[in-house]
């Protein structure tokens, strides 16, 4: 029986047809743009594998992908974790994994929705912030950016405390992070597929690509990085992707004095456009993505995520026989009598 692989995309126009064509070269597997409509509660997925590149912008797709995981599909990437993921947690996790990251501080949001009463609703919030101490820890120049965001949106370089306060005052309801600026010698963007495939690409975030967006890939021979640096880059990507559990991700590292700093690495819908990657890297990514999707479709198993709901579905735990016995026994005795 042919196994189906579904692709969820938005405005992308180069990766989807190339991926579908590549998968469809393999007998027994077919790839297509996934079709998702109304979903009953006991939903069985029509797809062995679903690849998600848009649910962060279309909530219905996110909910549908969670149902698909219940219905037996392998979803790239796990929608439960993607829903919970945010960049500051990633920096804290990476630092504990031993991956070098810039000094980073998360800041309370500047603004709040109208129904929030600062005097009553924000009693747990430490205020005012010690901006001098924050500045001394991170240092200047620094980068102010959202704790949960991407695409270089709302990112500001600040060179002193006055600029920091001015930028922070304009951040609205976004939770921001202040991060040490790494004046890099080299910048590497790694496209990661299946947690074990890493494609390190020289990248210049200061230039504009053909679409007018930030960042340009530089095509180099496979051995363009010194082996010592490549080892550090691959070790960082391996640790991060194993810990985050992403099967599709990009990891950006700024290299200063031979030390790679992980700058941005929670990108579960990474750029896969031929106009930015160029034909050489695009071909590699398409082939590797198709290979991984076919591998997961052939295995025929849903994501091995270790969530409580998955464990209970796969091996239900019986209710303990004594559950609730103590409260019932106490209630049977009736109210305690008062002395005297």
Protein backbone atom coordinates (compact mmCIF):
# COMPACT_ATOMS: atom_id res chain seq x y z
CA UNK A 1 0.00 0.00 0.00
CA UNK A 2 1.29 3.46 -0.92
CA UNK A 3 2.22 5.60 2.08
CA UNK A 4 1.25 9.26 1.90
CA UNK A 5 3.41 12.18 2.99
CA UNK A 6 1.61 15.51 3.42
CA UNK A 7 3.19 18.95 3.24
CA UNK A 8 1.67 21.98 4.98
CA UNK A 9 2.99 25.22 3.48
CA UNK A 10 2.03 28.81 2.87
CA UNK A 11 3.40 31.03 0.11
CA UNK A 12 6.48 28.88 -0.56
CA UNK A 13 6.81 28.15 -4.26
CA UNK A 14 10.16 26.36 -4.73
CA UNK A 15 10.56 23.82 -1.94
CA UNK A 16 7.08 22.19 -2.12
CA UNK A 17 7.16 21.08 -5.79
CA UNK A 18 10.80 20.00 -5.57
CA UNK A 19 10.16 17.98 -2.40
CA UNK A 20 7.04 16.34 -3.82
CA UNK A 21 8.89 15.40 -7.01
CA UNK A 22 11.80 13.95 -5.04
CA UNK A 23 9.60 11.80 -2.77
CA UNK A 24 7.53 10.55 -5.67
CA UNK A 25 10.62 9.02 -7.28
CA UNK A 26 10.51 6.29 -4.63
CA UNK A 27 7.97 3.50 -5.31
CA UNK A 28 5.46 2.97 -2.53
CA UNK A 29 5.50 6.59 -1.32
CA UNK A 30 3.63 9.65 -2.52
CA UNK A 31 3.96 13.25 -1.38
CA UNK A 32 1.37 15.98 -1.84
CA UNK A 33 0.08 19.19 -0.36
CA UNK A 34 -1.91 17.95 2.64
CA UNK A 35 -5.66 18.49 2.60
CA UNK A 36 -7.15 19.21 6.02
CA UNK A 37 -10.82 19.87 6.71
CA UNK A 38 -13.25 19.10 9.53
CA UNK A 39 -11.84 16.66 12.07
CA UNK A 40 -13.84 14.31 14.33
CA UNK A 41 -12.58 13.51 17.83
CA UNK A 42 -11.54 9.92 16.94
CA UNK A 43 -9.49 11.05 13.98
CA UNK A 44 -7.30 8.64 12.01
CA UNK A 45 -4.64 10.34 9.90
CA UNK A 46 -4.66 9.78 6.13
CA UNK A 47 -0.94 10.58 6.13
CA UNK A 48 1.94 8.53 7.50
CA UNK A 49 4.01 11.72 7.77
CA UNK A 50 3.02 15.39 7.89
CA UNK A 51 5.59 18.16 7.46
CA UNK A 52 4.61 21.42 9.10
CA UNK A 53 5.92 24.70 7.74
CA UNK A 54 2.98 26.98 8.52
CA UNK A 55 1.06 26.14 11.69
CA UNK A 56 2.80 28.95 13.59
CA UNK A 57 0.71 31.31 11.42
CA UNK A 58 -2.50 29.23 11.09
CA UNK A 59 -3.69 27.94 14.50
CA UNK A 60 -6.17 25.48 12.95
CA UNK A 61 -3.26 23.61 11.39
CA UNK A 62 -1.54 23.40 14.78
CA UNK A 63 -4.61 21.83 16.37
CA UNK A 64 -5.09 19.51 13.38
CA UNK A 65 -1.47 18.32 13.61
CA UNK A 66 -1.93 17.45 17.28
CA UNK A 67 -4.97 15.38 16.29
CA UNK A 68 -2.90 13.76 13.54
CA UNK A 69 -0.31 12.67 16.11
CA UNK A 70 -3.10 11.05 18.10
CA UNK A 71 -4.27 9.51 14.83
CA UNK A 72 -0.96 7.76 14.16
CA UNK A 73 0.97 10.25 11.99
CA UNK A 74 4.59 11.25 12.43
CA UNK A 75 4.61 15.06 12.44
CA UNK A 76 7.66 17.16 11.53
CA UNK A 77 7.98 19.10 13.83
CA UNK A 78 6.20 17.96 16.99
CA UNK A 79 3.36 20.53 17.34
CA UNK A 80 3.07 20.08 21.10
CA UNK A 81 6.66 21.17 21.69
CA UNK A 82 6.54 23.87 19.01
CA UNK A 83 3.52 25.37 20.81
CA UNK A 84 5.52 25.58 24.04
CA UNK A 85 8.89 26.57 22.60
CA UNK A 86 10.36 30.05 23.03
CA UNK A 87 13.81 31.43 22.43
CA UNK A 88 14.83 32.38 25.96
CA UNK A 89 14.25 28.83 27.20
CA UNK A 90 16.45 27.74 24.32
CA UNK A 91 19.31 29.99 25.43
CA UNK A 92 19.06 28.74 29.01
CA UNK A 93 18.95 25.13 27.82
CA UNK A 94 21.92 25.58 25.48
CA UNK A 95 24.01 27.15 28.24
CA UNK A 96 23.30 24.17 30.49
CA UNK A 97 24.25 21.80 27.67
CA UNK A 98 27.66 23.46 27.53
CA UNK A 99 26.99 25.33 24.27
CA UNK A 100 28.44 28.84 24.32
CA UNK A 101 25.73 31.53 24.14
CA UNK A 102 25.91 35.33 24.47
CA UNK A 103 25.06 36.81 27.87
CA UNK A 104 21.28 37.17 27.79
CA UNK A 105 18.63 38.69 30.09
CA UNK A 106 14.88 38.29 29.68
CA UNK A 107 12.88 41.43 30.45
CA UNK A 108 9.26 41.85 31.57
CA UNK A 109 7.07 43.23 28.83
CA UNK A 110 6.66 47.00 28.75
CA UNK A 111 2.93 47.08 27.88
CA UNK A 112 -0.10 44.95 28.73
CA UNK A 113 -3.62 44.38 27.47
CA UNK A 114 -6.22 46.88 28.70
CA UNK A 115 -7.84 44.60 31.28
CA UNK A 116 -4.53 44.23 33.15
CA UNK A 117 -4.54 46.52 36.21
CA UNK A 118 -0.86 47.09 37.10
CA UNK A 119 -1.70 47.63 40.78
CA UNK A 120 -3.68 44.40 41.13
CA UNK A 121 -2.57 42.07 38.33
CA UNK A 122 1.20 42.61 38.43
CA UNK A 123 1.89 42.16 42.13
CA UNK A 124 4.45 39.45 41.39
CA UNK A 125 6.47 41.69 39.10
CA UNK A 126 9.73 43.12 40.38
CA UNK A 127 9.74 46.85 39.67
CA UNK A 128 11.60 49.01 38.89
CA UNK A 129 14.22 47.01 37.03
CA UNK A 130 17.86 47.61 37.87
CA UNK A 131 18.84 48.83 34.40
CA UNK A 132 22.39 49.65 35.45
CA UNK A 133 23.01 46.10 36.67
CA UNK A 134 21.38 44.63 33.55
CA UNK A 135 23.54 46.81 31.32
CA UNK A 136 26.70 45.91 33.19
CA UNK A 137 25.97 42.18 32.90
CA UNK A 138 25.15 42.15 29.17
CA UNK A 139 27.39 45.04 28.10
CA UNK A 140 27.12 47.34 25.08
CA UNK A 141 26.62 47.10 22.21
CA UNK A 142 23.71 44.73 22.73
CA UNK A 143 20.75 43.35 20.81
CA UNK A 144 17.19 43.83 22.03
CA UNK A 145 14.90 41.22 20.48
CA UNK A 146 11.71 39.27 21.27
CA UNK A 147 11.96 36.23 23.51
CA UNK A 148 9.57 34.50 21.11
CA UNK A 149 9.93 35.57 17.50
CA UNK A 150 11.82 35.17 14.26
CA UNK A 151 12.60 36.61 10.86
CA UNK A 152 14.67 39.42 12.41
CA UNK A 153 11.44 41.24 13.36
CA UNK A 154 11.57 43.80 16.20
CA UNK A 155 15.35 43.37 16.54
CA UNK A 156 17.30 46.49 17.57
CA UNK A 157 20.96 47.13 18.23
CA UNK A 158 21.50 49.42 21.22
CA UNK A 159 24.83 51.04 22.05
CA UNK A 160 24.09 52.61 25.42
CA UNK A 161 21.53 52.71 28.22
CA UNK A 162 19.59 55.60 26.70
CA UNK A 163 19.10 53.72 23.43
CA UNK A 164 18.13 50.58 25.34
CA UNK A 165 15.42 52.38 27.33
CA UNK A 166 14.08 54.10 24.22
CA UNK A 167 13.86 50.79 22.31
CA UNK A 168 12.34 48.99 25.29
CA UNK A 169 9.67 51.70 25.61
CA UNK A 170 8.63 50.93 22.01
CA UNK A 171 8.39 47.15 22.50
CA UNK A 172 4.71 47.15 23.48
CA UNK A 173 3.40 43.81 24.74
CA UNK A 174 6.35 41.77 23.45
CA UNK A 175 8.50 39.93 25.98
CA UNK A 176 12.04 41.01 25.10
CA UNK A 177 15.54 39.76 25.71
CA UNK A 178 18.68 41.84 25.89
CA UNK A 179 21.64 39.95 24.48
CA UNK A 180 25.36 40.55 24.24
CA UNK A 181 26.36 41.57 20.71
CA UNK A 182 28.99 39.25 19.25
CA UNK A 183 31.15 41.17 16.79
CA UNK A 184 31.72 38.02 14.78
CA UNK A 185 34.60 37.07 12.50
CA UNK A 186 32.44 34.43 10.78
CA UNK A 187 28.76 33.56 10.80
CA UNK A 188 27.37 30.07 10.14
CA UNK A 189 23.81 28.97 9.52
CA UNK A 190 23.31 25.22 9.83
CA UNK A 191 20.30 23.54 8.24
CA UNK A 192 19.44 20.50 10.34
CA UNK A 193 17.21 17.61 9.27
CA UNK A 194 16.39 14.54 11.32
CA UNK A 195 18.64 15.67 14.22
CA UNK A 196 21.59 13.82 12.70
CA UNK A 197 22.07 15.69 9.41
CA UNK A 198 23.73 19.11 9.65
CA UNK A 199 24.60 21.31 6.66
CA UNK A 200 26.84 24.22 7.80
CA UNK A 201 26.61 27.19 5.41
CA UNK A 202 28.59 30.41 5.53
CA UNK A 203 26.06 33.18 6.06
CA UNK A 204 26.18 36.98 6.14
CA UNK A 205 23.24 38.43 8.11
CA UNK A 206 24.31 41.99 7.27
CA UNK A 207 23.60 41.67 3.54
CA UNK A 208 20.26 41.47 1.73
CA UNK A 209 19.25 38.39 -0.25
CA UNK A 210 17.66 38.56 -3.75
CA UNK A 211 14.23 38.97 -2.11
CA UNK A 212 15.36 41.99 -0.09
CA UNK A 213 15.42 40.02 3.17
CA UNK A 214 18.22 40.02 5.73
CA UNK A 215 20.94 37.44 5.19
CA UNK A 216 22.88 35.95 2.28
CA UNK A 217 24.19 32.40 1.94
CA UNK A 218 27.69 31.93 0.55
CA UNK A 219 28.29 28.77 -1.51
CA UNK A 220 31.58 27.12 -0.55
CA UNK A 221 33.29 23.75 -1.02
CA UNK A 222 32.43 21.16 1.68
CA UNK A 223 35.69 21.76 3.58
CA UNK A 224 35.33 25.55 3.79
CA UNK A 225 35.59 25.56 7.60
CA UNK A 226 38.73 24.54 9.49
CA UNK A 227 38.20 21.09 10.99
CA UNK A 228 38.55 22.32 14.59
CA UNK A 229 35.81 24.93 14.10
CA UNK A 230 33.60 22.51 12.18
CA UNK A 231 33.81 20.06 15.07
CA UNK A 232 32.67 22.73 17.55
CA UNK A 233 29.81 23.78 15.24
CA UNK A 234 28.60 20.21 14.71
CA UNK A 235 28.84 19.43 18.44
CA UNK A 236 26.70 22.50 19.25
CA UNK A 237 24.07 21.60 16.62
CA UNK A 238 23.96 17.99 17.77
CA UNK A 239 23.41 18.93 21.43
CA UNK A 240 20.78 21.56 20.65
CA UNK A 241 18.72 19.43 18.25
CA UNK A 242 18.84 16.36 20.48
CA UNK A 243 17.63 18.42 23.44
CA UNK A 244 14.95 20.35 21.56
CA UNK A 245 13.76 17.32 19.61
CA UNK A 246 13.38 19.17 16.32
CA UNK A 247 13.58 17.18 13.08
CA UNK A 248 13.75 20.34 10.98
CA UNK A 249 15.63 23.37 12.28
CA UNK A 250 18.26 25.97 11.53
CA UNK A 251 21.01 26.83 14.00
CA UNK A 252 22.90 30.12 13.66
CA UNK A 253 26.31 30.57 15.23
CA UNK A 254 28.44 33.70 15.38
CA UNK A 255 32.14 32.82 15.49
CA UNK A 256 34.50 35.11 17.42
CA UNK A 257 38.18 34.23 17.98
CA UNK A 258 37.45 30.62 16.99
CA UNK A 259 34.55 30.25 19.46
CA UNK A 260 31.04 29.63 18.01
CA UNK A 261 28.24 31.34 19.94
CA UNK A 262 24.73 29.97 19.40
CA UNK A 263 22.70 33.03 18.40
CA UNK A 264 19.42 31.66 17.02
CA UNK A 265 18.42 28.01 17.05
CA UNK A 266 14.68 27.60 17.52
CA UNK A 267 13.64 27.81 13.88
CA UNK A 268 11.42 24.78 13.20
CA UNK A 269 10.31 26.11 9.79
CA UNK A 270 13.72 27.11 8.38
CA UNK A 271 14.30 28.84 5.06
CA UNK A 272 14.22 26.28 2.24
CA UNK A 273 13.85 28.58 -0.78
CA UNK A 274 16.11 28.11 -3.80
CA UNK A 275 16.31 31.87 -4.30
CA UNK A 276 18.11 32.29 -0.99
CA UNK A 277 19.89 28.94 -0.58
CA UNK A 278 21.08 28.75 -4.16
CA UNK A 279 20.81 25.60 -6.31
CA UNK A 280 23.62 23.62 -4.64
CA UNK A 281 22.36 23.84 -1.06
CA UNK A 282 18.71 23.70 -2.16
CA UNK A 283 19.26 20.34 -3.86
CA UNK A 284 20.95 18.92 -0.76
CA UNK A 285 18.13 20.09 1.54
CA UNK A 286 15.36 18.77 -0.72
CA UNK A 287 17.00 15.36 -1.06
CA UNK A 288 17.71 15.05 2.65
CA UNK A 289 14.20 16.15 3.64
CA UNK A 290 12.67 13.63 1.24
CA UNK A 291 14.96 10.87 2.54
CA UNK A 292 14.02 11.59 6.16
CA UNK A 293 10.27 11.80 5.45
CA UNK A 294 10.34 8.48 3.58
CA UNK A 295 12.29 6.90 6.44
CA UNK A 296 9.63 7.95 8.94
CA UNK A 297 6.77 6.91 6.64
CA UNK A 298 8.38 3.49 6.15
CA UNK A 299 8.73 3.03 9.93
CA UNK A 300 5.01 3.77 10.33
CA UNK A 301 5.26 5.01 13.91
CA UNK A 302 4.08 8.31 15.45
CA UNK A 303 6.49 10.66 17.19
CA UNK A 304 8.27 9.13 20.17
CA UNK A 305 7.71 12.11 22.43
CA UNK A 306 7.33 10.59 25.90
CA UNK A 307 4.30 12.69 26.82
CA UNK A 308 1.97 11.41 29.54
CA UNK A 309 -0.92 11.10 27.06
CA UNK A 310 1.18 8.97 24.70
CA UNK A 311 2.30 6.68 27.53
CA UNK A 312 -1.29 6.23 28.69
CA UNK A 313 -2.45 5.41 25.17
CA UNK A 314 0.34 2.92 24.52
CA UNK A 315 0.40 1.25 27.96
CA UNK A 316 -2.55 2.37 30.11
CA UNK A 317 -1.91 2.44 33.83
CA UNK A 318 -4.82 1.03 35.90
CA UNK A 319 -6.26 3.16 38.63
CA UNK A 320 -4.82 2.18 42.04
CA UNK A 321 -7.37 0.14 44.01
CA UNK A 322 -7.01 2.30 47.11
CA UNK A 323 -7.51 5.63 45.37
CA UNK A 324 -9.89 7.86 47.38
CA UNK A 325 -10.35 5.30 50.16
CA UNK A 326 -9.07 7.61 52.91
CA UNK A 327 -11.42 10.54 52.17
CA UNK A 328 -14.38 8.15 51.89
CA UNK A 329 -13.51 6.43 55.16
CA UNK A 330 -13.26 9.78 56.88
CA UNK A 331 -16.59 10.92 55.47
CA UNK A 332 -18.29 7.67 56.61
CA UNK A 333 -17.39 8.38 60.24
CA UNK A 334 -19.24 11.66 60.10
CA UNK A 335 -18.21 14.98 61.60
CA UNK A 336 -15.93 14.82 64.63
CA UNK A 337 -17.67 15.44 67.95
CA UNK A 338 -16.64 18.45 69.98
CA UNK A 339 -15.21 17.81 73.44
CA UNK A 340 -17.38 18.76 76.41
